[in-house]
Each structure stands twice: as C-alpha cells, then as structure tokens.
Amino acid sequence: MKISDKLKWVGTLLVLTGIALTNVNYYPLNIFIHGAGVIFWTISGYLSKDKAILTNFGFQIPIFIFGILNYFI
C-alpha cells in the first residue's frame, strides 16, 4: 500500500470521527480531529498530484484555522 493510500485511510478515519464529534456536540475537539483529517487528505492529494482532492481539502484548511482561532480568541 502506497503512503498516499495510508494517508487517505488515516485522514478518512479522522474526518469521520470529527463529523461524529460534531453530531454529539464535542466542541472544539471536533475541529481539531476533523482538521487533522483534512491535513492528511491534503498531503495525500499533493503526493498523488490529485487536483480535485487538493482543491477540496486545501480550501478547508483555512476554514479550520479560522474555527480554531475563533475558539481561542
């Protein structure tokens, strides 16, 4: 299994865990877990040169940064 495939699976687990935490209202843990999954997916998209994945998950990174900053500020 290629490293990008492993990153996708770890990212998927983190994203789904983040979504589940959102549904049971575990804030801000949901943002950190889901955000970590987004980073894994973005790295995987970069390594596999998949522009659709990079676009989708790459644009989510600033959204999660905003959410994290909003929590701490």
C-alpha atoms as a PDB file:
ATOM      1  CA  MET A   1       0.000   0.000   0.000  1.00  0.00           C
ATOM      2  CA  LYS A   2       1.396   3.401  -1.005  1.00  0.00           C
ATOM      3  CA  ILE A   3       1.971   6.126   1.552  1.00  0.00           C
ATOM      4  CA  SER A   4      -0.714   8.300  -0.075  1.00  0.00           C
ATOM      5  CA  ASP A   5      -3.236   5.474   0.366  1.00  0.00           C
ATOM      6  CA  LYS A   6      -2.311   5.144   4.045  1.00  0.00           C
ATOM      7  CA  LEU A   7      -2.690   8.900   4.488  1.00  0.00           C
ATOM      8  CA  LYS A   8      -6.151   8.720   2.898  1.00  0.00           C
ATOM      9  CA  TRP A   9      -7.286   6.000   5.296  1.00  0.00           C
ATOM     10  CA  VAL A  10      -5.980   7.806   8.375  1.00  0.00           C
ATOM     11  CA  GLY A  11      -7.489  11.052   7.058  1.00  0.00           C
ATOM     12  CA  THR A  12     -10.814   9.334   6.445  1.00  0.00           C
ATOM     13  CA  LEU A  13     -10.882   7.957   9.983  1.00  0.00           C
ATOM     14  CA  LEU A  14     -10.114  11.400  11.405  1.00  0.00           C
ATOM     15  CA  VAL A  15     -12.663  13.215   9.208  1.00  0.00           C
ATOM     16  CA  LEU A  16     -15.418  10.734  10.080  1.00  0.00           C
ATOM     17  CA  THR A  17     -14.521  10.940  13.773  1.00  0.00           C
ATOM     18  CA  GLY A  18     -14.659  14.735  13.546  1.00  0.00           C
ATOM     19  CA  ILE A  19     -18.090  14.555  11.913  1.00  0.00           C
ATOM     20  CA  ALA A  20     -19.316  12.177  14.620  1.00  0.00           C
ATOM     21  CA  LEU A  21     -17.983  14.505  17.326  1.00  0.00           C
ATOM     22  CA  THR A  22     -19.813  17.407  15.675  1.00  0.00           C
ATOM     23  CA  ASN A  23     -23.051  15.447  15.784  1.00  0.00           C
ATOM     24  CA  VAL A  24     -22.706  14.869  19.521  1.00  0.00           C
ATOM     25  CA  ASN A  25     -21.549  18.461  20.068  1.00  0.00           C
ATOM     26  CA  TYR A  26     -17.992  17.838  21.310  1.00  0.00           C
ATOM     27  CA  TYR A  27     -16.643  21.286  20.540  1.00  0.00           C
ATOM     28  CA  PRO A  28     -13.743  22.147  19.978  1.00  0.00           C
ATOM     29  CA  LEU A  29     -12.385  18.584  19.826  1.00  0.00           C
ATOM     30  CA  ASN A  30     -14.357  18.040  16.620  1.00  0.00           C
ATOM     31  CA  ILE A  31     -12.494  20.887  14.895  1.00  0.00           C
ATOM     32  CA  PHE A  32      -9.073  19.540  15.850  1.00  0.00           C
ATOM     33  CA  ILE A  33      -9.817  15.941  14.827  1.00  0.00           C
ATOM     34  CA  HIS A  34     -11.572  16.856  11.579  1.00  0.00           C
ATOM     35  CA  GLY A  35      -8.869  19.432  10.788  1.00  0.00           C
ATOM     36  CA  ALA A  36      -6.146  16.808  11.231  1.00  0.00           C
ATOM     37  CA  GLY A  37      -8.003  14.568   8.765  1.00  0.00           C
ATOM     38  CA  VAL A  38      -8.150  17.417   6.281  1.00  0.00           C
ATOM     39  CA  ILE A  39      -4.385  17.869   6.541  1.00  0.00           C
ATOM     40  CA  PHE A  40      -3.814  14.152   5.916  1.00  0.00           C
ATOM     41  CA  TRP A  41      -6.072  14.277   2.848  1.00  0.00           C
ATOM     42  CA  THR A  42      -4.338  17.415   1.559  1.00  0.00           C
ATOM     43  CA  ILE A  43      -0.907  15.803   1.852  1.00  0.00           C
ATOM     44  CA  SER A  44      -2.217  12.706   0.097  1.00  0.00           C
ATOM     45  CA  GLY A  45      -3.642  14.839  -2.711  1.00  0.00           C
ATOM     46  CA  TYR A  46      -0.318  16.620  -3.079  1.00  0.00           C
ATOM     47  CA  LEU A  47       1.651  13.366  -3.211  1.00  0.00           C
ATOM     48  CA  SER A  48      -0.705  11.832  -5.774  1.00  0.00           C
ATOM     49  CA  LYS A  49      -0.986  15.118  -7.720  1.00  0.00           C
ATOM     50  CA  ASP A  50      -4.792  14.943  -7.488  1.00  0.00           C
ATOM     51  CA  LYS A  51      -6.042  18.481  -8.075  1.00  0.00           C
ATOM     52  CA  ALA A  52      -9.625  17.717  -7.050  1.00  0.00           C
ATOM     53  CA  ILE A  53      -8.519  16.465  -3.630  1.00  0.00           C
ATOM     54  CA  LEU A  54      -6.137  19.401  -3.232  1.00  0.00           C
ATOM     55  CA  THR A  55      -8.898  21.856  -4.095  1.00  0.00           C
ATOM     56  CA  ASN A  56     -11.467  20.285  -1.788  1.00  0.00           C
ATOM     57  CA  PHE A  57      -9.314  19.711   1.270  1.00  0.00           C
ATOM     58  CA  GLY A  58      -6.817  22.521   0.676  1.00  0.00           C
ATOM     59  CA  PHE A  59      -9.572  25.119   0.913  1.00  0.00           C
ATOM     60  CA  GLN A  60     -10.842  23.529   4.124  1.00  0.00           C
ATOM     61  CA  ILE A  61      -7.564  24.218   5.939  1.00  0.00           C
ATOM     62  CA  PRO A  62      -8.143  27.990   6.289  1.00  0.00           C
ATOM     63  CA  ILE A  63     -11.719  27.307   7.394  1.00  0.00           C
ATOM     64  CA  PHE A  64     -10.478  25.088  10.210  1.00  0.00           C
ATOM     65  CA  ILE A  65      -7.764  27.606  11.115  1.00  0.00           C
ATOM     66  CA  PHE A  66     -10.498  30.245  11.414  1.00  0.00           C
ATOM     67  CA  GLY A  67     -12.524  27.930  13.651  1.00  0.00           C
ATOM     68  CA  ILE A  68      -9.545  27.230  15.890  1.00  0.00           C
ATOM     69  CA  LEU A  69      -8.631  30.918  16.131  1.00  0.00           C
ATOM     70  CA  ASN A  70     -12.265  31.777  16.828  1.00  0.00           C
ATOM     71  CA  TYR A  71     -12.260  29.366  19.744  1.00  0.00           C
ATOM     72  CA  PHE A  72      -9.093  30.741  21.333  1.00  0.00           C
ATOM     73  CA  ILE A  73      -9.654  34.458  20.704  1.00  0.00           C
END
